[in-house]
Amino acid sequence: WGWERRKAWTPENDPDARCLSPGAVRAYQSPYPIEFLATPGRMTILFEYQHLVRRIYMDGRGHPKAFDVAPMGHSIGRWEGDTLVVDTVGLADTTLLNATGLPHSDRMTLTERIRKILGGEVLEIEFRIDDPVAYTRPWTATSYFKRDPAGQLIEYNCDLVVDYRKPGP
């Protein structure tokens, strides 16, 4: 299943290259800022890239019995000490896990363990991919993000990427 989809991938048919949502895993791989907003009962992740939004429900609810798959899926979270543990299901298989066309099925579950390290200056996110359709066993990857105290999310236009932080010609 996964190998056939992987062989069919090209940069031209990559959903991300066509301004389609990259999905919950690949959204972190853009070079644009990410902002976490903690509110009662919910953690919201704002991605500058494509103005993507993820909602992680922290109010003790479970996943719904009926959920239409979506690029960001349905996420619930809980704190384990200083680590935010996020469980996501319902991820549409129209997204890819990385820029080289790594596929997944809509039966994939994503577990993220998110914590601050190095005095809060670095965010560490460990991803666990469990997809019994696309992969023979679960696998993990870890990403690191440096804090930018002066950072801000700015307008992103997929049709014309302009870095408004740099002066014009």
C-alpha atoms as a PDB file:
ATOM      1  CA  TRP A   1       0.000   0.000   0.000  1.00  0.00           C
ATOM      2  CA  GLY A   2       2.469   2.649   1.148  1.00  0.00           C
ATOM      3  CA  TRP A   3       5.203   1.704  -1.313  1.00  0.00           C
ATOM      4  CA  GLU A   4       2.920   2.182  -4.334  1.00  0.00           C
ATOM      5  CA  ARG A   5       1.900   5.622  -3.107  1.00  0.00           C
ATOM      6  CA  ARG A   6       5.553   6.477  -2.400  1.00  0.00           C
ATOM      7  CA  LYS A   7       6.617   5.481  -5.923  1.00  0.00           C
ATOM      8  CA  ALA A   8       3.853   7.671  -7.400  1.00  0.00           C
ATOM      9  CA  TRP A   9       5.031  10.784  -5.539  1.00  0.00           C
ATOM     10  CA  THR A  10       6.724  13.590  -7.467  1.00  0.00           C
ATOM     11  CA  PRO A  11       7.404  17.196  -6.450  1.00  0.00           C
ATOM     12  CA  GLU A  12       4.746  18.255  -8.969  1.00  0.00           C
ATOM     13  CA  ASN A  13       1.969  16.125  -7.454  1.00  0.00           C
ATOM     14  CA  ASP A  14       2.926  16.836  -3.850  1.00  0.00           C
ATOM     15  CA  PRO A  15      -0.224  18.188  -2.109  1.00  0.00           C
ATOM     16  CA  ASP A  16       1.888  20.780  -0.270  1.00  0.00           C
ATOM     17  CA  ALA A  17       3.176  22.201  -3.573  1.00  0.00           C
ATOM     18  CA  ARG A  18      -0.452  22.769  -4.605  1.00  0.00           C
ATOM     19  CA  CYS A  19      -1.248  24.846  -1.485  1.00  0.00           C
ATOM     20  CA  LEU A  20      -3.168  21.976   0.127  1.00  0.00           C
ATOM     21  CA  SER A  21      -2.835  21.366   3.854  1.00  0.00           C
ATOM     22  CA  PRO A  22       0.374  19.504   4.659  1.00  0.00           C
ATOM     23  CA  GLY A  23      -1.272  17.776   7.646  1.00  0.00           C
ATOM     24  CA  ALA A  24      -0.447  17.470  11.323  1.00  0.00           C
ATOM     25  CA  VAL A  25       3.075  16.029  10.966  1.00  0.00           C
ATOM     26  CA  ARG A  26       4.404  17.907   7.979  1.00  0.00           C
ATOM     27  CA  ALA A  27       3.096  21.287   9.177  1.00  0.00           C
ATOM     28  CA  TYR A  28       5.996  21.371  11.648  1.00  0.00           C
ATOM     29  CA  GLN A  29       8.507  20.994   8.812  1.00  0.00           C
ATOM     30  CA  SER A  30       7.997  24.430   7.293  1.00  0.00           C
ATOM     31  CA  PRO A  31      10.573  27.116   8.097  1.00  0.00           C
ATOM     32  CA  TYR A  32       7.895  29.493   9.411  1.00  0.00           C
ATOM     33  CA  PRO A  33       7.049  30.314  13.052  1.00  0.00           C
ATOM     34  CA  ILE A  34       4.685  28.297  15.234  1.00  0.00           C
ATOM     35  CA  GLU A  35       2.745  29.690  18.182  1.00  0.00           C
ATOM     36  CA  PHE A  36       1.154  27.724  21.031  1.00  0.00           C
ATOM     37  CA  LEU A  37      -1.868  29.282  22.745  1.00  0.00           C
ATOM     38  CA  ALA A  38      -2.960  27.738  26.046  1.00  0.00           C
ATOM     39  CA  THR A  39      -6.546  28.447  27.077  1.00  0.00           C
ATOM     40  CA  PRO A  40      -8.777  26.615  29.556  1.00  0.00           C
ATOM     41  CA  GLY A  41      -9.602  23.204  28.098  1.00  0.00           C
ATOM     42  CA  ARG A  42      -7.650  23.640  24.890  1.00  0.00           C
ATOM     43  CA  MET A  43      -4.178  24.109  23.438  1.00  0.00           C
ATOM     44  CA  THR A  44      -4.209  25.761  20.007  1.00  0.00           C
ATOM     45  CA  ILE A  45      -1.242  25.612  17.671  1.00  0.00           C
ATOM     46  CA  LEU A  46      -1.036  28.380  15.085  1.00  0.00           C
ATOM     47  CA  PHE A  47       1.291  27.827  12.154  1.00  0.00           C
ATOM     48  CA  GLU A  48       2.283  30.852  10.102  1.00  0.00           C
ATOM     49  CA  TYR A  49       2.616  28.470   7.169  1.00  0.00           C
ATOM     50  CA  GLN A  50      -0.712  28.477   5.307  1.00  0.00           C
ATOM     51  CA  HIS A  51      -2.413  29.891   8.435  1.00  0.00           C
ATOM     52  CA  LEU A  52      -2.826  26.334   9.694  1.00  0.00           C
ATOM     53  CA  VAL A  53      -4.552  25.728  13.027  1.00  0.00           C
ATOM     54  CA  ARG A  54      -4.576  22.671  15.276  1.00  0.00           C
ATOM     55  CA  ARG A  55      -6.882  22.354  18.257  1.00  0.00           C
ATOM     56  CA  ILE A  56      -5.855  20.001  21.021  1.00  0.00           C
ATOM     57  CA  TYR A  57      -8.694  19.398  23.458  1.00  0.00           C
ATOM     58  CA  MET A  58      -7.424  19.291  27.043  1.00  0.00           C
ATOM     59  CA  ASP A  59     -10.770  19.028  28.842  1.00  0.00           C
ATOM     60  CA  GLY A  60     -10.771  15.265  29.350  1.00  0.00           C
ATOM     61  CA  ARG A  61     -12.930  14.363  26.360  1.00  0.00           C
ATOM     62  CA  GLY A  62     -12.095  11.377  24.200  1.00  0.00           C
ATOM     63  CA  HIS A  63     -12.068  11.125  20.438  1.00  0.00           C
ATOM     64  CA  PRO A  64     -15.540  11.228  18.862  1.00  0.00           C
ATOM     65  CA  LYS A  65     -16.986   7.918  17.707  1.00  0.00           C
ATOM     66  CA  ALA A  66     -17.774   9.450  14.312  1.00  0.00           C
ATOM     67  CA  PHE A  67     -15.245  11.883  12.897  1.00  0.00           C
ATOM     68  CA  ASP A  68     -14.701  12.795   9.271  1.00  0.00           C
ATOM     69  CA  VAL A  69     -11.000  12.532   8.518  1.00  0.00           C
ATOM     70  CA  ALA A  70      -9.173  15.834   8.116  1.00  0.00           C
ATOM     71  CA  PRO A  71      -5.567  16.901   7.423  1.00  0.00           C
ATOM     72  CA  MET A  72      -5.043  17.881  11.086  1.00  0.00           C
ATOM     73  CA  GLY A  73      -7.196  15.040  12.459  1.00  0.00           C
ATOM     74  CA  HIS A  74      -8.775  15.138  15.918  1.00  0.00           C
ATOM     75  CA  SER A  75      -6.403  15.758  18.835  1.00  0.00           C
ATOM     76  CA  ILE A  76      -6.742  15.301  22.580  1.00  0.00           C
ATOM     77  CA  GLY A  77      -4.008  16.076  25.067  1.00  0.00           C
ATOM     78  CA  ARG A  78      -2.941  15.753  28.667  1.00  0.00           C
ATOM     79  CA  TRP A  79      -0.004  16.833  30.790  1.00  0.00           C
ATOM     80  CA  GLU A  80       2.482  14.263  32.114  1.00  0.00           C
ATOM     81  CA  GLY A  81       4.598  16.458  34.351  1.00  0.00           C
ATOM     82  CA  ASP A  82       6.107  19.117  32.091  1.00  0.00           C
ATOM     83  CA  THR A  83       5.377  17.172  28.888  1.00  0.00           C
ATOM     84  CA  LEU A  84       2.285  17.728  26.761  1.00  0.00           C
ATOM     85  CA  VAL A  85       1.171  14.377  25.345  1.00  0.00           C
ATOM     86  CA  VAL A  86      -1.069  14.678  22.293  1.00  0.00           C
ATOM     87  CA  ASP A  87      -3.004  11.803  20.709  1.00  0.00           C
ATOM     88  CA  THR A  88      -4.331  12.415  17.192  1.00  0.00           C
ATOM     89  CA  VAL A  89      -6.593  10.225  15.049  1.00  0.00           C
ATOM     90  CA  GLY A  90      -8.688  10.790  11.945  1.00  0.00           C
ATOM     91  CA  LEU A  91      -5.791  12.004   9.799  1.00  0.00           C
ATOM     92  CA  ALA A  92      -6.709  12.196   6.114  1.00  0.00           C
ATOM     93  CA  ASP A  93      -4.446  10.053   3.953  1.00  0.00           C
ATOM     94  CA  THR A  94      -4.283  12.857   1.388  1.00  0.00           C
ATOM     95  CA  THR A  95      -1.353  14.382   3.295  1.00  0.00           C
ATOM     96  CA  LEU A  96       2.235  13.173   3.420  1.00  0.00           C
ATOM     97  CA  LEU A  97       4.575  12.824   6.376  1.00  0.00           C
ATOM     98  CA  ASN A  98       7.512  14.626   4.765  1.00  0.00           C
ATOM     99  CA  ALA A  99       8.746  16.386   1.641  1.00  0.00           C
ATOM    100  CA  THR A 100       9.898  13.161  -0.027  1.00  0.00           C
ATOM    101  CA  GLY A 101       6.421  11.678  -0.253  1.00  0.00           C
ATOM    102  CA  LEU A 102       6.302   9.427   2.834  1.00  0.00           C
ATOM    103  CA  PRO A 103       2.642   8.306   2.884  1.00  0.00           C
ATOM    104  CA  HIS A 104       0.264   7.177   5.600  1.00  0.00           C
ATOM    105  CA  SER A 105      -3.218   5.710   5.768  1.00  0.00           C
ATOM    106  CA  ASP A 106      -6.287   7.151   7.460  1.00  0.00           C
ATOM    107  CA  ARG A 107      -5.772   4.550  10.203  1.00  0.00           C
ATOM    108  CA  MET A 108      -2.576   6.235  11.382  1.00  0.00           C
ATOM    109  CA  THR A 109      -2.411   7.449  14.949  1.00  0.00           C
ATOM    110  CA  LEU A 110       0.012  10.180  15.903  1.00  0.00           C
ATOM    111  CA  THR A 111       1.354  10.613  19.416  1.00  0.00           C
ATOM    112  CA  GLU A 112       3.390  13.720  20.183  1.00  0.00           C
ATOM    113  CA  ARG A 113       5.386  14.369  23.330  1.00  0.00           C
ATOM    114  CA  ILE A 114       6.069  18.104  23.513  1.00  0.00           C
ATOM    115  CA  ARG A 115       8.317  19.705  26.121  1.00  0.00           C
ATOM    116  CA  LYS A 116      10.596  22.660  26.652  1.00  0.00           C
ATOM    117  CA  ILE A 117      14.283  21.934  27.131  1.00  0.00           C
ATOM    118  CA  LEU A 118      17.471  23.977  27.610  1.00  0.00           C
ATOM    119  CA  GLY A 119      15.863  26.438  29.987  1.00  0.00           C
ATOM    120  CA  GLY A 120      12.768  26.847  27.840  1.00  0.00           C
ATOM    121  CA  GLU A 121      14.728  28.061  24.820  1.00  0.00           C
ATOM    122  CA  VAL A 122      14.106  24.909  22.764  1.00  0.00           C
ATOM    123  CA  LEU A 123      10.907  22.999  22.133  1.00  0.00           C
ATOM    124  CA  GLU A 124      11.385  19.258  21.652  1.00  0.00           C
ATOM    125  CA  ILE A 125       8.651  17.295  19.895  1.00  0.00           C
ATOM    126  CA  GLU A 126       8.848  13.534  19.684  1.00  0.00           C
ATOM    127  CA  PHE A 127       6.516  12.042  17.086  1.00  0.00           C
ATOM    128  CA  ARG A 128       5.334   8.435  17.207  1.00  0.00           C
ATOM    129  CA  ILE A 129       3.705   7.193  14.005  1.00  0.00           C
ATOM    130  CA  ASP A 130       1.607   4.050  14.331  1.00  0.00           C
ATOM    131  CA  ASP A 131       0.005   2.994  11.058  1.00  0.00           C
ATOM    132  CA  PRO A 132      -0.754  -0.718  10.682  1.00  0.00           C
ATOM    133  CA  VAL A 133      -1.726  -0.245   7.016  1.00  0.00           C
ATOM    134  CA  ALA A 134       1.311   1.685   5.747  1.00  0.00           C
ATOM    135  CA  TYR A 135       4.098   0.438   8.072  1.00  0.00           C
ATOM    136  CA  THR A 136       5.085  -2.864   9.630  1.00  0.00           C
ATOM    137  CA  ARG A 137       5.768  -1.308  13.026  1.00  0.00           C
ATOM    138  CA  PRO A 138       5.503   2.046  14.820  1.00  0.00           C
ATOM    139  CA  TRP A 139       8.390   4.476  14.428  1.00  0.00           C
ATOM    140  CA  THR A 140       9.499   7.728  16.030  1.00  0.00           C
ATOM    141  CA  ALA A 141      11.211  10.949  15.034  1.00  0.00           C
ATOM    142  CA  THR A 142      12.191  14.004  17.068  1.00  0.00           C
ATOM    143  CA  SER A 143      12.242  17.665  16.018  1.00  0.00           C
ATOM    144  CA  TYR A 144      13.632  20.705  17.826  1.00  0.00           C
ATOM    145  CA  PHE A 145      12.501  24.319  17.574  1.00  0.00           C
ATOM    146  CA  LYS A 146      14.423  27.312  18.911  1.00  0.00           C
ATOM    147  CA  ARG A 147      12.433  29.990  20.698  1.00  0.00           C
ATOM    148  CA  ASP A 148      12.308  33.380  19.037  1.00  0.00           C
ATOM    149  CA  PRO A 149      11.299  35.890  21.743  1.00  0.00           C
ATOM    150  CA  ALA A 150      10.776  38.636  19.142  1.00  0.00           C
ATOM    151  CA  GLY A 151       8.953  36.320  16.741  1.00  0.00           C
ATOM    152  CA  GLN A 152       5.520  36.928  15.399  1.00  0.00           C
ATOM    153  CA  LEU A 153       3.200  35.239  12.959  1.00  0.00           C
ATOM    154  CA  ILE A 154       2.699  37.260   9.807  1.00  0.00           C
ATOM    155  CA  GLU A 155       0.435  36.956   6.801  1.00  0.00           C
ATOM    156  CA  TYR A 156       1.317  33.995   4.583  1.00  0.00           C
ATOM    157  CA  ASN A 157       0.218  33.763   0.962  1.00  0.00           C
ATOM    158  CA  CYS A 158       0.751  30.373  -0.659  1.00  0.00           C
ATOM    159  CA  ASP A 159       0.477  31.820  -4.159  1.00  0.00           C
ATOM    160  CA  LEU A 160       3.243  34.343  -3.608  1.00  0.00           C
ATOM    161  CA  VAL A 161       5.668  33.764  -0.768  1.00  0.00           C
ATOM    162  CA  VAL A 162       7.024  37.117   0.363  1.00  0.00           C
ATOM    163  CA  ASP A 163       9.138  37.561   3.464  1.00  0.00           C
ATOM    164  CA  TYR A 164       7.765  40.777   4.961  1.00  0.00           C
ATOM    165  CA  ARG A 165      10.554  40.775   7.547  1.00  0.00           C
ATOM    166  CA  LYS A 166      13.093  41.747   4.872  1.00  0.00           C
ATOM    167  CA  PRO A 167      13.222  45.211   3.324  1.00  0.00           C
ATOM    168  CA  GLY A 168      12.107  45.498  -0.294  1.00  0.00           C
ATOM    169  CA  PRO A 169      14.356  46.167  -3.307  1.00  0.00           C
END
